[in-house]
N, C-alpha and C. Protein backbone atom coordinates (compact mmCIF):
# COMPACT_ATOMS: atom_id res chain seq x y z
N MET A 1 67.00 -1.39 14.03
CA MET A 1 66.24 -1.40 15.25
C MET A 1 66.94 -2.24 16.32
N LYS A 2 67.61 -3.30 15.87
CA LYS A 2 68.31 -4.17 16.80
C LYS A 2 69.45 -3.41 17.49
N HIS A 3 70.13 -2.55 16.74
CA HIS A 3 71.23 -1.78 17.31
C HIS A 3 70.72 -0.77 18.33
N ALA A 4 69.56 -0.19 18.09
CA ALA A 4 68.97 0.75 19.05
C ALA A 4 68.67 0.04 20.36
N LEU A 5 68.17 -1.17 20.27
CA LEU A 5 67.89 -1.95 21.48
C LEU A 5 69.18 -2.27 22.23
N TYR A 6 70.24 -2.60 21.50
CA TYR A 6 71.53 -2.88 22.14
C TYR A 6 72.06 -1.64 22.86
N PHE A 7 71.95 -0.48 22.22
CA PHE A 7 72.42 0.76 22.84
C PHE A 7 71.61 1.06 24.10
N ALA A 8 70.28 0.91 24.03
CA ALA A 8 69.43 1.19 25.18
C ALA A 8 69.73 0.22 26.32
N LEU A 9 69.88 -1.05 26.01
CA LEU A 9 70.18 -2.04 27.03
C LEU A 9 71.57 -1.81 27.64
N GLY A 10 72.53 -1.49 26.81
CA GLY A 10 73.88 -1.20 27.31
C GLY A 10 73.90 0.02 28.21
N GLY A 11 73.19 1.07 27.80
CA GLY A 11 73.12 2.27 28.64
C GLY A 11 72.42 1.99 29.95
N ALA A 12 71.35 1.22 29.91
CA ALA A 12 70.61 0.89 31.13
C ALA A 12 71.47 0.07 32.09
N ILE A 13 72.20 -0.89 31.58
CA ILE A 13 73.06 -1.72 32.43
C ILE A 13 74.20 -0.89 33.01
N LEU A 14 74.80 -0.05 32.18
CA LEU A 14 75.91 0.78 32.64
C LEU A 14 75.49 1.74 33.74
N VAL A 15 74.39 2.45 33.54
CA VAL A 15 73.94 3.42 34.53
C VAL A 15 73.37 2.71 35.77
N ALA A 16 72.76 1.55 35.61
CA ALA A 16 72.28 0.79 36.77
C ALA A 16 73.46 0.34 37.64
N ALA A 17 74.53 -0.10 37.01
CA ALA A 17 75.71 -0.50 37.78
C ALA A 17 76.32 0.72 38.48
N LEU A 18 76.38 1.83 37.80
CA LEU A 18 76.90 3.06 38.41
C LEU A 18 76.02 3.51 39.57
N THR A 19 74.71 3.40 39.40
CA THR A 19 73.78 3.77 40.46
C THR A 19 73.92 2.83 41.65
N ALA A 20 74.05 1.54 41.41
CA ALA A 20 74.21 0.58 42.50
C ALA A 20 75.49 0.83 43.28
N TRP A 21 76.50 1.35 42.62
CA TRP A 21 77.78 1.62 43.26
C TRP A 21 77.75 2.94 44.04
N LEU A 22 77.12 3.99 43.47
CA LEU A 22 77.16 5.32 44.07
C LEU A 22 75.98 5.65 44.98
N ALA A 23 74.81 5.08 44.73
CA ALA A 23 73.60 5.48 45.45
C ALA A 23 73.67 5.26 46.96
N PRO A 24 74.18 4.15 47.47
CA PRO A 24 74.21 4.00 48.93
C PRO A 24 75.02 5.08 49.63
N GLY A 25 76.15 5.44 49.07
CA GLY A 25 76.96 6.50 49.66
C GLY A 25 76.28 7.85 49.61
N VAL A 26 75.60 8.14 48.50
CA VAL A 26 74.89 9.41 48.36
C VAL A 26 73.71 9.46 49.33
N ILE A 27 72.99 8.37 49.47
CA ILE A 27 71.85 8.33 50.40
C ILE A 27 72.34 8.55 51.83
N ALA A 28 73.43 7.89 52.21
CA ALA A 28 73.94 8.04 53.57
C ALA A 28 74.49 9.44 53.82
N TRP A 29 75.08 10.05 52.80
CA TRP A 29 75.68 11.37 52.97
C TRP A 29 74.64 12.49 52.92
N TYR A 30 73.68 12.41 52.02
CA TYR A 30 72.78 13.53 51.74
C TYR A 30 71.50 13.51 52.55
N PHE A 31 70.95 12.36 52.81
CA PHE A 31 69.64 12.27 53.44
C PHE A 31 69.73 11.83 54.90
N LYS A 32 68.85 12.37 55.71
CA LYS A 32 68.65 11.88 57.06
C LYS A 32 67.30 11.19 57.06
N PRO A 33 67.23 9.96 57.50
CA PRO A 33 65.95 9.26 57.44
C PRO A 33 64.85 10.02 58.19
N PRO A 34 63.69 10.16 57.58
CA PRO A 34 62.59 10.88 58.24
C PRO A 34 61.89 10.06 59.31
N VAL A 35 62.36 8.83 59.54
CA VAL A 35 61.76 7.97 60.56
C VAL A 35 62.75 7.81 61.70
N GLU A 36 62.24 7.70 62.89
CA GLU A 36 63.08 7.56 64.08
C GLU A 36 63.26 6.09 64.42
N MET A 37 64.36 5.81 65.06
CA MET A 37 64.61 4.44 65.52
C MET A 37 63.75 4.20 66.76
N GLY A 38 63.11 3.07 66.78
CA GLY A 38 62.25 2.74 67.92
C GLY A 38 62.94 1.78 68.86
N GLY A 39 63.51 2.27 69.91
CA GLY A 39 64.18 1.40 70.89
C GLY A 39 65.45 0.81 70.31
N PHE A 40 65.49 -0.52 70.26
CA PHE A 40 66.67 -1.21 69.75
C PHE A 40 66.50 -1.66 68.31
N SER A 41 65.38 -1.34 67.71
CA SER A 41 65.11 -1.77 66.35
C SER A 41 65.38 -0.64 65.37
N CYS A 42 66.15 -0.92 64.37
CA CYS A 42 66.42 0.09 63.33
C CYS A 42 65.76 -0.33 62.02
N THR A 43 64.69 -1.07 62.08
CA THR A 43 64.00 -1.58 60.90
C THR A 43 63.42 -0.46 60.06
N ALA A 44 62.81 0.54 60.70
CA ALA A 44 62.18 1.63 59.94
C ALA A 44 63.19 2.44 59.12
N PRO A 45 64.32 2.89 59.69
CA PRO A 45 65.29 3.62 58.86
C PRO A 45 65.89 2.77 57.75
N ILE A 46 66.11 1.49 58.02
CA ILE A 46 66.67 0.61 56.99
C ILE A 46 65.67 0.41 55.87
N ALA A 47 64.41 0.20 56.22
CA ALA A 47 63.38 0.04 55.19
C ALA A 47 63.26 1.30 54.35
N TRP A 48 63.34 2.48 54.99
CA TRP A 48 63.28 3.74 54.26
C TRP A 48 64.47 3.85 53.30
N ALA A 49 65.68 3.54 53.77
CA ALA A 49 66.88 3.65 52.93
C ALA A 49 66.84 2.67 51.77
N LEU A 50 66.36 1.45 52.01
CA LEU A 50 66.29 0.47 50.92
C LEU A 50 65.26 0.88 49.87
N LYS A 51 64.14 1.44 50.32
CA LYS A 51 63.15 1.92 49.36
C LYS A 51 63.73 3.05 48.51
N ARG A 52 64.48 3.94 49.15
CA ARG A 52 65.13 5.04 48.44
C ARG A 52 66.15 4.49 47.43
N LEU A 53 66.90 3.47 47.83
CA LEU A 53 67.88 2.84 46.94
C LEU A 53 67.20 2.19 45.74
N GLN A 54 66.08 1.52 45.97
CA GLN A 54 65.36 0.88 44.86
C GLN A 54 64.86 1.92 43.87
N TRP A 55 64.36 3.06 44.36
CA TRP A 55 63.90 4.11 43.46
C TRP A 55 65.07 4.71 42.68
N ALA A 56 66.22 4.88 43.34
CA ALA A 56 67.40 5.41 42.65
C ALA A 56 67.84 4.46 41.54
N GLN A 57 67.82 3.16 41.81
CA GLN A 57 68.23 2.19 40.80
C GLN A 57 67.23 2.13 39.65
N LEU A 58 65.95 2.23 39.95
CA LEU A 58 64.95 2.24 38.89
C LEU A 58 65.13 3.46 37.98
N TRP A 59 65.33 4.62 38.59
CA TRP A 59 65.58 5.81 37.78
C TRP A 59 66.88 5.69 37.00
N GLY A 60 67.89 5.04 37.57
CA GLY A 60 69.14 4.82 36.85
C GLY A 60 68.95 3.97 35.61
N VAL A 61 68.12 2.94 35.70
CA VAL A 61 67.85 2.09 34.53
C VAL A 61 67.11 2.88 33.46
N VAL A 62 66.12 3.66 33.86
CA VAL A 62 65.34 4.45 32.89
C VAL A 62 66.22 5.50 32.23
N VAL A 63 66.97 6.24 33.03
CA VAL A 63 67.83 7.29 32.47
C VAL A 63 68.92 6.67 31.60
N GLY A 64 69.47 5.53 32.01
CA GLY A 64 70.48 4.85 31.20
C GLY A 64 69.94 4.38 29.86
N GLY A 65 68.71 3.88 29.85
CA GLY A 65 68.10 3.47 28.58
C GLY A 65 67.89 4.65 27.65
N VAL A 66 67.44 5.76 28.20
CA VAL A 66 67.23 6.96 27.38
C VAL A 66 68.57 7.49 26.87
N LEU A 67 69.58 7.53 27.72
CA LEU A 67 70.90 7.98 27.27
C LEU A 67 71.48 7.04 26.21
N GLY A 68 71.22 5.74 26.34
CA GLY A 68 71.66 4.80 25.31
C GLY A 68 70.99 5.06 23.97
N LEU A 69 69.70 5.39 24.00
CA LEU A 69 69.01 5.71 22.74
C LEU A 69 69.51 7.02 22.14
N VAL A 70 69.83 7.99 22.98
CA VAL A 70 70.40 9.25 22.49
C VAL A 70 71.76 8.98 21.85
N ALA A 71 72.58 8.15 22.49
CA ALA A 71 73.89 7.81 21.91
C ALA A 71 73.71 7.08 20.58
N TYR A 72 72.72 6.20 20.49
CA TYR A 72 72.45 5.52 19.22
C TYR A 72 72.06 6.53 18.14
N GLY A 73 71.22 7.48 18.49
CA GLY A 73 70.81 8.49 17.51
C GLY A 73 72.00 9.29 16.99
N ILE A 74 72.92 9.64 17.88
CA ILE A 74 74.11 10.40 17.46
C ILE A 74 74.99 9.55 16.55
N VAL A 75 75.24 8.31 16.94
CA VAL A 75 76.08 7.42 16.12
C VAL A 75 75.43 7.16 14.77
N HIS A 76 74.13 6.92 14.77
CA HIS A 76 73.42 6.64 13.52
C HIS A 76 73.46 7.86 12.59
N ARG A 77 73.25 9.05 13.14
CA ARG A 77 73.28 10.26 12.33
C ARG A 77 74.66 10.48 11.72
N ARG A 78 75.72 10.25 12.49
CA ARG A 78 77.08 10.41 11.95
C ARG A 78 77.35 9.39 10.85
N ARG A 79 76.87 8.17 11.04
CA ARG A 79 77.07 7.13 10.02
C ARG A 79 76.35 7.49 8.73
N VAL A 80 75.14 8.02 8.83
CA VAL A 80 74.39 8.41 7.63
C VAL A 80 75.09 9.56 6.93
N ARG A 81 75.57 10.54 7.68
CA ARG A 81 76.29 11.67 7.07
C ARG A 81 77.55 11.19 6.34
N LYS A 82 78.27 10.27 6.95
CA LYS A 82 79.49 9.76 6.33
C LYS A 82 79.16 9.05 5.02
N LEU A 83 78.07 8.29 4.99
CA LEU A 83 77.68 7.61 3.77
C LEU A 83 77.21 8.58 2.70
N GLU A 84 76.56 9.67 3.10
CA GLU A 84 76.10 10.67 2.14
C GLU A 84 77.25 11.47 1.55
N GLN A 85 78.33 11.66 2.31
CA GLN A 85 79.46 12.45 1.83
C GLN A 85 80.39 11.66 0.94
N ARG A 86 80.28 10.35 0.93
CA ARG A 86 81.12 9.52 0.09
C ARG A 86 80.82 9.83 -1.37
N PRO A 87 81.83 10.06 -2.20
CA PRO A 87 81.57 10.35 -3.62
C PRO A 87 80.97 9.15 -4.33
N HIS A 88 79.94 9.42 -5.09
CA HIS A 88 79.24 8.36 -5.82
C HIS A 88 79.80 8.27 -7.23
N GLU A 89 80.11 7.05 -7.67
CA GLU A 89 80.60 6.83 -9.02
C GLU A 89 79.44 6.47 -9.92
N PRO A 90 79.55 6.78 -11.21
CA PRO A 90 78.48 6.37 -12.13
C PRO A 90 78.38 4.85 -12.19
N GLU A 91 77.27 4.36 -12.71
CA GLU A 91 77.01 2.93 -12.67
C GLU A 91 77.98 2.11 -13.50
N GLY A 92 78.54 2.60 -14.51
CA GLY A 92 79.43 1.83 -15.37
C GLY A 92 80.82 1.68 -14.80
N GLY A 93 81.08 2.14 -13.64
CA GLY A 93 82.42 2.08 -13.07
C GLY A 93 82.94 3.49 -12.89
N GLY A 94 84.23 3.63 -12.90
CA GLY A 94 84.87 4.94 -12.68
C GLY A 94 84.77 5.81 -13.92
N SER A 95 85.82 6.57 -14.17
CA SER A 95 85.82 7.50 -15.30
C SER A 95 86.56 6.92 -16.50
N GLU A 96 86.71 5.61 -16.54
CA GLU A 96 87.42 4.99 -17.67
C GLU A 96 86.56 5.08 -18.93
N GLN A 97 87.22 5.18 -20.05
CA GLN A 97 86.51 5.28 -21.32
C GLN A 97 86.49 3.90 -21.98
N TRP A 98 85.43 3.69 -22.76
CA TRP A 98 85.30 2.42 -23.47
C TRP A 98 86.26 2.44 -24.67
N PRO A 99 86.81 1.29 -24.95
CA PRO A 99 87.70 1.26 -26.14
C PRO A 99 86.88 1.48 -27.42
N ARG A 100 87.43 2.27 -28.31
CA ARG A 100 86.75 2.55 -29.59
C ARG A 100 87.18 1.52 -30.62
N SER A 101 86.22 0.98 -31.34
CA SER A 101 86.57 -0.01 -32.34
C SER A 101 86.54 0.55 -33.72
């Protein structure tokens, strides 16, 4: 369970950092603020863009956590398969025979 938490936290941090790096450029390129500038104040468009950035970062953390858990599931499943495919030896050791007296 501890490893699943590490994977989720790692995925969340990784995707949050990626979102913090890419989201401002995407917001500026893709969206036009639905609010108009009032005179010399640009407070409304900036507030709108920052709210949009906060939502993008929140979604990045959630999606990163889910992707981290998916990655954990894949790694865990492969590890279990590898352990199941390992040949099992009998309890007394290998195939050596006991000395006859």
